[in-house]
Amino acid sequence: MKKIVLVCAAGMSTSMLVKNMQAAAKADNYECTIEAHPIAEVEEVGKDADIVLLGPQVRFQLAKVQSLVSCPAEAIDMAAYGTMNGKKVIDHVKGVIGE
């Protein structure tokens, strides 16, 4: 089972996207856990993650996050985030981690 971690300023604005991603993963029979956290917790919550995704409001911290985690870390596509397109984000995650 894959662990997907989303981070944003306070861990709250990504909550709806997490729900949409969970629905998309379920529809695809993709086994994963998806969590949202404040970026201040990324080093701890990213320890065992398979991928860390940054919300648009913290994308400027991408290089820092990449230096703190050992998994892929990427900014969430702004269009997918703006439309809360969970399927698009899940499909991107699968591509990045090779599934």
PDB file of N, CA and C in Angstrom:
ATOM      1  N   MET A   1       0.842  -1.186   0.000  1.00  0.00           N
ATOM      2  CA  MET A   1       0.000   0.000   0.000  1.00  0.00           C
ATOM      3  C   MET A   1       0.881   1.240   0.000  1.00  0.00           C
ATOM      4  N   LYS A   2       0.577   2.164  -0.875  1.00  0.00           N
ATOM      5  CA  LYS A   2       1.361   3.389  -1.014  1.00  0.00           C
ATOM      6  C   LYS A   2       0.859   4.462  -0.051  1.00  0.00           C
ATOM      7  N   LYS A   3       1.790   5.285   0.398  1.00  0.00           N
ATOM      8  CA  LYS A   3       1.450   6.395   1.287  1.00  0.00           C
ATOM      9  C   LYS A   3       1.703   7.702   0.550  1.00  0.00           C
ATOM     10  N   ILE A   4       0.637   8.483   0.387  1.00  0.00           N
ATOM     11  CA  ILE A   4       0.698   9.767  -0.286  1.00  0.00           C
ATOM     12  C   ILE A   4       0.477  10.851   0.762  1.00  0.00           C
ATOM     13  N   VAL A   5       1.384  11.793   0.838  1.00  0.00           N
ATOM     14  CA  VAL A   5       1.283  12.881   1.814  1.00  0.00           C
ATOM     15  C   VAL A   5       1.156  14.200   1.067  1.00  0.00           C
ATOM     16  N   LEU A   6       0.126  14.961   1.398  1.00  0.00           N
ATOM     17  CA  LEU A   6      -0.049  16.305   0.862  1.00  0.00           C
ATOM     18  C   LEU A   6       0.287  17.285   1.964  1.00  0.00           C
ATOM     19  N   VAL A   7       0.997  18.337   1.619  1.00  0.00           N
ATOM     20  CA  VAL A   7       1.312  19.370   2.602  1.00  0.00           C
ATOM     21  C   VAL A   7       0.896  20.728   2.059  1.00  0.00           C
ATOM     22  N   CYS A   8       0.429  21.556   2.972  1.00  0.00           N
ATOM     23  CA  CYS A   8       0.083  22.937   2.631  1.00  0.00           C
ATOM     24  C   CYS A   8       0.413  23.791   3.845  1.00  0.00           C
ATOM     25  N   ALA A   9      -0.003  25.023   3.825  1.00  0.00           N
ATOM     26  CA  ALA A   9       0.371  25.949   4.892  1.00  0.00           C
ATOM     27  C   ALA A   9      -0.043  25.425   6.270  1.00  0.00           C
ATOM     28  N   ALA A  10      -1.290  24.981   6.395  1.00  0.00           N
ATOM     29  CA  ALA A  10      -1.756  24.493   7.697  1.00  0.00           C
ATOM     30  C   ALA A  10      -2.289  23.068   7.639  1.00  0.00           C
ATOM     31  N   GLY A  11      -2.299  22.448   6.477  1.00  0.00           N
ATOM     32  CA  GLY A  11      -2.806  21.087   6.363  1.00  0.00           C
ATOM     33  C   GLY A  11      -4.304  21.014   6.207  1.00  0.00           C
ATOM     34  N   MET A  12      -4.961  22.159   6.031  1.00  0.00           N
ATOM     35  CA  MET A  12      -6.421  22.160   5.983  1.00  0.00           C
ATOM     36  C   MET A  12      -6.964  22.381   4.570  1.00  0.00           C
ATOM     37  N   SER A  13      -6.303  23.193   3.775  1.00  0.00           N
ATOM     38  CA  SER A  13      -6.857  23.512   2.458  1.00  0.00           C
ATOM     39  C   SER A  13      -6.811  22.318   1.510  1.00  0.00           C
ATOM     40  N   THR A  14      -6.012  21.340   1.833  1.00  0.00           N
ATOM     41  CA  THR A  14      -5.924  20.159   0.971  1.00  0.00           C
ATOM     42  C   THR A  14      -6.944  19.084   1.329  1.00  0.00           C
ATOM     43  N   SER A  15      -7.737  19.303   2.366  1.00  0.00           N
ATOM     44  CA  SER A  15      -8.676  18.280   2.837  1.00  0.00           C
ATOM     45  C   SER A  15      -9.664  17.833   1.766  1.00  0.00           C
ATOM     46  N   MET A  16     -10.219  18.768   1.015  1.00  0.00           N
ATOM     47  CA  MET A  16     -11.172  18.388  -0.018  1.00  0.00           C
ATOM     48  C   MET A  16     -10.482  17.612  -1.137  1.00  0.00           C
ATOM     49  N   LEU A  17      -9.283  18.027  -1.500  1.00  0.00           N
ATOM     50  CA  LEU A  17      -8.543  17.301  -2.529  1.00  0.00           C
ATOM     51  C   LEU A  17      -8.239  15.884  -2.055  1.00  0.00           C
ATOM     52  N   VAL A  18      -7.887  15.720  -0.791  1.00  0.00           N
ATOM     53  CA  VAL A  18      -7.634  14.383  -0.241  1.00  0.00           C
ATOM     54  C   VAL A  18      -8.873  13.514  -0.425  1.00  0.00           C
ATOM     55  N   LYS A  19     -10.042  14.031  -0.103  1.00  0.00           N
ATOM     56  CA  LYS A  19     -11.282  13.249  -0.244  1.00  0.00           C
ATOM     57  C   LYS A  19     -11.515  12.866  -1.696  1.00  0.00           C
ATOM     58  N   ASN A  20     -11.278  13.799  -2.612  1.00  0.00           N
ATOM     59  CA  ASN A  20     -11.463  13.504  -4.033  1.00  0.00           C
ATOM     60  C   ASN A  20     -10.428  12.494  -4.523  1.00  0.00           C
ATOM     61  N   MET A  21      -9.221  12.573  -4.013  1.00  0.00           N
ATOM     62  CA  MET A  21      -8.186  11.603  -4.377  1.00  0.00           C
ATOM     63  C   MET A  21      -8.535  10.224  -3.837  1.00  0.00           C
ATOM     64  N   GLN A  22      -9.052  10.165  -2.620  1.00  0.00           N
ATOM     65  CA  GLN A  22      -9.449   8.882  -2.041  1.00  0.00           C
ATOM     66  C   GLN A  22     -10.558   8.238  -2.867  1.00  0.00           C
ATOM     67  N   ALA A  23     -11.519   9.036  -3.315  1.00  0.00           N
ATOM     68  CA  ALA A  23     -12.605   8.515  -4.146  1.00  0.00           C
ATOM     69  C   ALA A  23     -12.056   8.005  -5.473  1.00  0.00           C
ATOM     70  N   ALA A  24     -11.132   8.748  -6.074  1.00  0.00           N
ATOM     71  CA  ALA A  24     -10.541   8.335  -7.350  1.00  0.00           C
ATOM     72  C   ALA A  24      -9.719   7.056  -7.183  1.00  0.00           C
ATOM     73  N   ALA A  25      -8.968   6.969  -6.105  1.00  0.00           N
ATOM     74  CA  ALA A  25      -8.166   5.768  -5.841  1.00  0.00           C
ATOM     75  C   ALA A  25      -9.068   4.556  -5.647  1.00  0.00           C
ATOM     76  N   LYS A  26     -10.152   4.746  -4.911  1.00  0.00           N
ATOM     77  CA  LYS A  26     -11.095   3.650  -4.683  1.00  0.00           C
ATOM     78  C   LYS A  26     -11.711   3.189  -6.000  1.00  0.00           C
ATOM     79  N   ALA A  27     -12.090   4.136  -6.847  1.00  0.00           N
ATOM     80  CA  ALA A  27     -12.683   3.803  -8.144  1.00  0.00           C
ATOM     81  C   ALA A  27     -11.695   3.037  -9.025  1.00  0.00           C
ATOM     82  N   ASP A  28     -10.405   3.305  -8.868  1.00  0.00           N
ATOM     83  CA  ASP A  28      -9.361   2.626  -9.649  1.00  0.00           C
ATOM     84  C   ASP A  28      -8.835   1.367  -8.958  1.00  0.00           C
ATOM     85  N   ASN A  29      -9.384   1.034  -7.792  1.00  0.00           N
ATOM     86  CA  ASN A  29      -8.880  -0.082  -6.979  1.00  0.00           C
ATOM     87  C   ASN A  29      -7.393   0.090  -6.676  1.00  0.00           C
ATOM     88  N   TYR A  30      -7.011   1.330  -6.406  1.00  0.00           N
ATOM     89  CA  TYR A  30      -5.621   1.655  -6.097  1.00  0.00           C
ATOM     90  C   TYR A  30      -5.483   1.753  -4.583  1.00  0.00           C
ATOM     91  N   GLU A  31      -4.697   0.849  -4.017  1.00  0.00           N
ATOM     92  CA  GLU A  31      -4.555   0.808  -2.566  1.00  0.00           C
ATOM     93  C   GLU A  31      -3.516   1.820  -2.103  1.00  0.00           C
ATOM     94  N   CYS A  32      -3.988   2.791  -1.334  1.00  0.00           N
ATOM     95  CA  CYS A  32      -3.090   3.826  -0.821  1.00  0.00           C
ATOM     96  C   CYS A  32      -3.729   4.511   0.374  1.00  0.00           C
ATOM     97  N   THR A  33      -2.878   5.172   1.129  1.00  0.00           N
ATOM     98  CA  THR A  33      -3.368   6.073   2.162  1.00  0.00           C
ATOM     99  C   THR A  33      -3.003   7.472   1.707  1.00  0.00           C
ATOM    100  N   ILE A  34      -3.886   8.410   1.985  1.00  0.00           N
ATOM    101  CA  ILE A  34      -3.659   9.791   1.580  1.00  0.00           C
ATOM    102  C   ILE A  34      -3.916  10.665   2.796  1.00  0.00           C
ATOM    103  N   GLU A  35      -2.921  11.471   3.149  1.00  0.00           N
ATOM    104  CA  GLU A  35      -3.021  12.321   4.338  1.00  0.00           C
ATOM    105  C   GLU A  35      -2.648  13.752   3.979  1.00  0.00           C
ATOM    106  N   ALA A  36      -3.222  14.701   4.718  1.00  0.00           N
ATOM    107  CA  ALA A  36      -2.868  16.113   4.579  1.00  0.00           C
ATOM    108  C   ALA A  36      -2.268  16.604   5.893  1.00  0.00           C
ATOM    109  N   HIS A  37      -1.181  17.350   5.783  1.00  0.00           N
ATOM    110  CA  HIS A  37      -0.479  17.857   6.967  1.00  0.00           C
ATOM    111  C   HIS A  37       0.052  19.257   6.693  1.00  0.00           C
ATOM    112  N   PRO A  38       0.314  20.003   7.758  1.00  0.00           N
ATOM    113  CA  PRO A  38       1.003  21.288   7.577  1.00  0.00           C
ATOM    114  C   PRO A  38       2.432  21.032   7.103  1.00  0.00           C
ATOM    115  N   ILE A  39       2.953  21.921   6.312  1.00  0.00           N
ATOM    116  CA  ILE A  39       4.305  21.737   5.784  1.00  0.00           C
ATOM    117  C   ILE A  39       5.343  21.680   6.894  1.00  0.00           C
ATOM    118  N   ALA A  40       5.061  22.268   8.021  1.00  0.00           N
ATOM    119  CA  ALA A  40       6.006  22.235   9.144  1.00  0.00           C
ATOM    120  C   ALA A  40       6.265  20.807   9.631  1.00  0.00           C
ATOM    121  N   GLU A  41       5.363  19.871   9.306  1.00  0.00           N
ATOM    122  CA  GLU A  41       5.500  18.481   9.745  1.00  0.00           C
ATOM    123  C   GLU A  41       6.087  17.573   8.670  1.00  0.00           C
ATOM    124  N   VAL A  42       6.496  18.133   7.536  1.00  0.00           N
ATOM    125  CA  VAL A  42       6.873  17.307   6.386  1.00  0.00           C
ATOM    126  C   VAL A  42       8.026  16.350   6.677  1.00  0.00           C
ATOM    127  N   GLU A  43       8.999  16.768   7.442  1.00  0.00           N
ATOM    128  CA  GLU A  43      10.134  15.883   7.712  1.00  0.00           C
ATOM    129  C   GLU A  43       9.672  14.635   8.458  1.00  0.00           C
ATOM    130  N   GLU A  44       8.776  14.798   9.412  1.00  0.00           N
ATOM    131  CA  GLU A  44       8.268  13.666  10.196  1.00  0.00           C
ATOM    132  C   GLU A  44       7.306  12.810   9.376  1.00  0.00           C
ATOM    133  N   VAL A  45       6.298  13.421   8.762  1.00  0.00           N
ATOM    134  CA  VAL A  45       5.270  12.642   8.049  1.00  0.00           C
ATOM    135  C   VAL A  45       5.759  12.122   6.706  1.00  0.00           C
ATOM    136  N   GLY A  46       6.839  12.699   6.202  1.00  0.00           N
ATOM    137  CA  GLY A  46       7.374  12.246   4.929  1.00  0.00           C
ATOM    138  C   GLY A  46       8.370  11.111   5.037  1.00  0.00           C
ATOM    139  N   LYS A  47       8.715  10.713   6.273  1.00  0.00           N
ATOM    140  CA  LYS A  47       9.713   9.659   6.493  1.00  0.00           C
ATOM    141  C   LYS A  47       9.395   8.374   5.733  1.00  0.00           C
ATOM    142  N   ASP A  48       8.157   7.933   5.825  1.00  0.00           N
ATOM    143  CA  ASP A  48       7.779   6.658   5.211  1.00  0.00           C
ATOM    144  C   ASP A  48       6.801   6.847   4.052  1.00  0.00           C
ATOM    145  N   ALA A  49       6.757   8.047   3.508  1.00  0.00           N
ATOM    146  CA  ALA A  49       5.856   8.325   2.384  1.00  0.00           C
ATOM    147  C   ALA A  49       6.464   7.807   1.086  1.00  0.00           C
ATOM    148  N   ASP A  50       5.598   7.507   0.141  1.00  0.00           N
ATOM    149  CA  ASP A  50       6.048   7.130  -1.199  1.00  0.00           C
ATOM    150  C   ASP A  50       6.145   8.359  -2.098  1.00  0.00           C
ATOM    151  N   ILE A  51       5.388   9.396  -1.746  1.00  0.00           N
ATOM    152  CA  ILE A  51       5.449  10.664  -2.466  1.00  0.00           C
ATOM    153  C   ILE A  51       4.883  11.759  -1.569  1.00  0.00           C
ATOM    154  N   VAL A  52       5.457  12.945  -1.688  1.00  0.00           N
ATOM    155  CA  VAL A  52       4.961  14.124  -0.973  1.00  0.00           C
ATOM    156  C   VAL A  52       4.543  15.149  -2.027  1.00  0.00           C
ATOM    157  N   LEU A  53       3.330  15.648  -1.886  1.00  0.00           N
ATOM    158  CA  LEU A  53       2.795  16.638  -2.821  1.00  0.00           C
ATOM    159  C   LEU A  53       2.561  17.947  -2.088  1.00  0.00           C
ATOM    160  N   LEU A  54       3.001  19.041  -2.691  1.00  0.00           N
ATOM    161  CA  LEU A  54       2.868  20.357  -2.082  1.00  0.00           C
ATOM    162  C   LEU A  54       1.707  21.116  -2.697  1.00  0.00           C
ATOM    163  N   GLY A  55       0.902  21.727  -1.850  1.00  0.00           N
ATOM    164  CA  GLY A  55      -0.159  22.609  -2.316  1.00  0.00           C
ATOM    165  C   GLY A  55       0.442  23.855  -2.942  1.00  0.00           C
ATOM    166  N   PRO A  56      -0.319  24.512  -3.815  1.00  0.00           N
ATOM    167  CA  PRO A  56       0.201  25.688  -4.527  1.00  0.00           C
ATOM    168  C   PRO A  56       0.739  26.791  -3.619  1.00  0.00           C
ATOM    169  N   GLN A  57       0.137  26.980  -2.455  1.00  0.00           N
ATOM    170  CA  GLN A  57       0.562  28.069  -1.582  1.00  0.00           C
ATOM    171  C   GLN A  57       1.925  27.827  -0.938  1.00  0.00           C
ATOM    172  N   VAL A  58       2.441  26.594  -1.003  1.00  0.00           N
ATOM    173  CA  VAL A  58       3.763  26.306  -0.434  1.00  0.00           C
ATOM    174  C   VAL A  58       4.730  25.755  -1.485  1.00  0.00           C
ATOM    175  N   ARG A  59       4.376  25.851  -2.751  1.00  0.00           N
ATOM    176  CA  ARG A  59       5.221  25.286  -3.815  1.00  0.00           C
ATOM    177  C   ARG A  59       6.617  25.913  -3.841  1.00  0.00           C
ATOM    178  N   PHE A  60       6.736  27.132  -3.325  1.00  0.00           N
ATOM    179  CA  PHE A  60       8.044  27.789  -3.285  1.00  0.00           C
ATOM    180  C   PHE A  60       9.011  27.067  -2.347  1.00  0.00           C
ATOM    181  N   GLN A  61       8.504  26.159  -1.513  1.00  0.00           N
ATOM    182  CA  GLN A  61       9.355  25.411  -0.586  1.00  0.00           C
ATOM    183  C   GLN A  61       9.729  24.022  -1.124  1.00  0.00           C
ATOM    184  N   LEU A  62       9.489  23.794  -2.403  1.00  0.00           N
ATOM    185  CA  LEU A  62       9.732  22.475  -2.995  1.00  0.00           C
ATOM    186  C   LEU A  62      11.177  22.002  -2.797  1.00  0.00           C
ATOM    187  N   ALA A  63      12.141  22.831  -3.087  1.00  0.00           N
ATOM    188  CA  ALA A  63      13.547  22.418  -2.949  1.00  0.00           C
ATOM    189  C   ALA A  63      13.867  22.024  -1.506  1.00  0.00           C
ATOM    190  N   LYS A  64      13.346  22.768  -0.561  1.00  0.00           N
ATOM    191  CA  LYS A  64      13.575  22.453   0.851  1.00  0.00           C
ATOM    192  C   LYS A  64      12.959  21.101   1.202  1.00  0.00           C
ATOM    193  N   VAL A  65      11.711  20.894   0.752  1.00  0.00           N
ATOM    194  CA  VAL A  65      11.029  19.623   1.037  1.00  0.00           C
ATOM    195  C   VAL A  65      11.795  18.467   0.396  1.00  0.00           C
ATOM    196  N   GLN A  66      12.258  18.643  -0.831  1.00  0.00           N
ATOM    197  CA  GLN A  66      13.010  17.589  -1.505  1.00  0.00           C
ATOM    198  C   GLN A  66      14.279  17.226  -0.727  1.00  0.00           C
ATOM    199  N   SER A  67      14.854  18.186  -0.042  1.00  0.00           N
ATOM    200  CA  SER A  67      16.060  17.904   0.744  1.00  0.00           C
ATOM    201  C   SER A  67      15.743  17.212   2.070  1.00  0.00           C
ATOM    202  N   LEU A  68      14.492  17.255   2.493  1.00  0.00           N
ATOM    203  CA  LEU A  68      14.105  16.680   3.782  1.00  0.00           C
ATOM    204  C   LEU A  68      13.540  15.270   3.693  1.00  0.00           C
ATOM    205  N   VAL A  69      13.099  14.852   2.502  1.00  0.00           N
ATOM    206  CA  VAL A  69      12.484  13.537   2.352  1.00  0.00           C
ATOM    207  C   VAL A  69      13.269  12.697   1.351  1.00  0.00           C
ATOM    208  N   SER A  70      13.122  11.391   1.456  1.00  0.00           N
ATOM    209  CA  SER A  70      13.860  10.498   0.562  1.00  0.00           C
ATOM    210  C   SER A  70      12.995   9.966  -0.582  1.00  0.00           C
ATOM    211  N   CYS A  71      11.764  10.438  -0.661  1.00  0.00           N
ATOM    212  CA  CYS A  71      10.851  10.020  -1.727  1.00  0.00           C
ATOM    213  C   CYS A  71      10.663  11.182  -2.705  1.00  0.00           C
ATOM    214  N   PRO A  72      10.009  10.938  -3.827  1.00  0.00           N
ATOM    215  CA  PRO A  72       9.714  12.056  -4.729  1.00  0.00           C
ATOM    216  C   PRO A  72       8.857  13.113  -4.022  1.00  0.00           C
ATOM    217  N   ALA A  73       9.124  14.363  -4.300  1.00  0.00           N
ATOM    218  CA  ALA A  73       8.323  15.479  -3.788  1.00  0.00           C
ATOM    219  C   ALA A  73       8.056  16.408  -4.961  1.00  0.00           C
ATOM    220  N   GLU A  74       6.796  16.765  -5.152  1.00  0.00           N
ATOM    221  CA  GLU A  74       6.411  17.603  -6.279  1.00  0.00           C
ATOM    222  C   GLU A  74       5.306  18.555  -5.868  1.00  0.00           C
ATOM    223  N   ALA A  75       5.212  19.653  -6.591  1.00  0.00           N
ATOM    224  CA  ALA A  75       4.093  20.575  -6.406  1.00  0.00           C
ATOM    225  C   ALA A  75       2.885  20.010  -7.157  1.00  0.00           C
ATOM    226  N   ILE A  76       1.716  20.152  -6.570  1.00  0.00           N
ATOM    227  CA  ILE A  76       0.487  19.701  -7.216  1.00  0.00           C
ATOM    228  C   ILE A  76       0.179  20.635  -8.385  1.00  0.00           C
ATOM    229  N   ASP A  77      -0.196  20.054  -9.505  1.00  0.00           N
ATOM    230  CA  ASP A  77      -0.591  20.834 -10.670  1.00  0.00           C
ATOM    231  C   ASP A  77      -1.659  21.848 -10.258  1.00  0.00           C
ATOM    232  N   MET A  78      -1.437  23.115 -10.608  1.00  0.00           N
ATOM    233  CA  MET A  78      -2.346  24.173 -10.153  1.00  0.00           C
ATOM    234  C   MET A  78      -3.759  24.000 -10.703  1.00  0.00           C
ATOM    235  N   ALA A  79      -3.892  23.555 -11.946  1.00  0.00           N
ATOM    236  CA  ALA A  79      -5.222  23.349 -12.519  1.00  0.00           C
ATOM    237  C   ALA A  79      -5.942  22.207 -11.802  1.00  0.00           C
ATOM    238  N   ALA A  80      -5.226  21.120 -11.536  1.00  0.00           N
ATOM    239  CA  ALA A  80      -5.827  19.984 -10.827  1.00  0.00           C
ATOM    240  C   ALA A  80      -6.228  20.393  -9.413  1.00  0.00           C
ATOM    241  N   TYR A  81      -5.376  21.190  -8.767  1.00  0.00           N
ATOM    242  CA  TYR A  81      -5.684  21.655  -7.414  1.00  0.00           C
ATOM    243  C   TYR A  81      -6.894  22.584  -7.430  1.00  0.00           C
ATOM    244  N   GLY A  82      -6.899  23.519  -8.363  1.00  0.00           N
ATOM    245  CA  GLY A  82      -7.985  24.496  -8.439  1.00  0.00           C
ATOM    246  C   GLY A  82      -9.342  23.867  -8.703  1.00  0.00           C
ATOM    247  N   THR A  83      -9.344  22.773  -9.459  1.00  0.00           N
ATOM    248  CA  THR A  83     -10.605  22.090  -9.770  1.00  0.00           C
ATOM    249  C   THR A  83     -10.847  20.905  -8.834  1.00  0.00           C
ATOM    250  N   MET A  84      -9.921  20.697  -7.903  1.00  0.00           N
ATOM    251  CA  MET A  84     -10.005  19.580  -6.958  1.00  0.00           C
ATOM    252  C   MET A  84     -10.152  18.245  -7.697  1.00  0.00           C
ATOM    253  N   ASN A  85      -9.365  18.089  -8.772  1.00  0.00           N
ATOM    254  CA  ASN A  85      -9.433  16.909  -9.626  1.00  0.00           C
ATOM    255  C   ASN A  85      -8.590  15.782  -9.033  1.00  0.00           C
ATOM    256  N   GLY A  86      -9.210  15.011  -8.143  1.00  0.00           N
ATOM    257  CA  GLY A  86      -8.518  13.918  -7.467  1.00  0.00           C
ATOM    258  C   GLY A  86      -8.000  12.863  -8.420  1.00  0.00           C
ATOM    259  N   LYS A  87      -8.744  12.572  -9.470  1.00  0.00           N
ATOM    260  CA  LYS A  87      -8.313  11.553 -10.435  1.00  0.00           C
ATOM    261  C   LYS A  87      -7.031  11.983 -11.141  1.00  0.00           C
ATOM    262  N   LYS A  88      -6.968  13.224 -11.550  1.00  0.00           N
ATOM    263  CA  LYS A  88      -5.760  13.710 -12.235  1.00  0.00           C
ATOM    264  C   LYS A  88      -4.548  13.619 -11.325  1.00  0.00           C
ATOM    265  N   VAL A  89      -4.722  13.955 -10.060  1.00  0.00           N
ATOM    266  CA  VAL A  89      -3.602  13.904  -9.117  1.00  0.00           C
ATOM    267  C   VAL A  89      -3.194  12.450  -8.860  1.00  0.00           C
ATOM    268  N   ILE A  90      -4.156  11.565  -8.688  1.00  0.00           N
ATOM    269  CA  ILE A  90      -3.844  10.140  -8.482  1.00  0.00           C
ATOM    270  C   ILE A  90      -3.122   9.578  -9.700  1.00  0.00           C
ATOM    271  N   ASP A  91      -3.602   9.900 -10.895  1.00  0.00           N
ATOM    272  CA  ASP A  91      -2.943   9.420 -12.110  1.00  0.00           C
ATOM    273  C   ASP A  91      -1.499   9.921 -12.182  1.00  0.00           C
ATOM    274  N   HIS A  92      -1.280  11.166 -11.776  1.00  0.00           N
ATOM    275  CA  HIS A  92       0.077  11.723 -11.762  1.00  0.00           C
ATOM    276  C   HIS A  92       0.953  10.964 -10.759  1.00  0.00           C
ATOM    277  N   VAL A  93       0.412  10.712  -9.581  1.00  0.00           N
ATOM    278  CA  VAL A  93       1.152   9.984  -8.540  1.00  0.00           C
ATOM    279  C   VAL A  93       1.566   8.614  -9.078  1.00  0.00           C
ATOM    280  N   LYS A  94       0.650   7.912  -9.705  1.00  0.00           N
ATOM    281  CA  LYS A  94       0.962   6.577 -10.250  1.00  0.00           C
ATOM    282  C   LYS A  94       2.109   6.666 -11.253  1.00  0.00           C
ATOM    283  N   GLY A  95       2.095   7.685 -12.090  1.00  0.00           N
ATOM    284  CA  GLY A  95       3.166   7.864 -13.065  1.00  0.00           C
ATOM    285  C   GLY A  95       4.504   8.123 -12.416  1.00  0.00           C
ATOM    286  N   VAL A  96       4.505   8.946 -11.385  1.00  0.00           N
ATOM    287  CA  VAL A  96       5.755   9.314 -10.713  1.00  0.00           C
ATOM    288  C   VAL A  96       6.363   8.119  -9.976  1.00  0.00           C
ATOM    289  N   ILE A  97       5.519   7.338  -9.303  1.00  0.00           N
ATOM    290  CA  ILE A  97       6.067   6.222  -8.520  1.00  0.00           C
ATOM    291  C   ILE A  97       6.059   4.902  -9.296  1.00  0.00           C
ATOM    292  N   GLY A  98       5.728   4.984 -10.569  1.00  0.00           N
ATOM    293  CA  GLY A  98       5.872   3.827 -11.447  1.00  0.00           C
ATOM    294  C   GLY A  98       4.814   2.761 -11.297  1.00  0.00           C
ATOM    295  N   GLU A  99       3.576   3.162 -11.219  1.00  0.00           N
ATOM    296  CA  GLU A  99       2.489   2.168 -11.123  1.00  0.00           C
ATOM    297  C   GLU A  99       1.468   2.377 -12.189  1.00  0.00           C
TER     298      GLU A  99
END
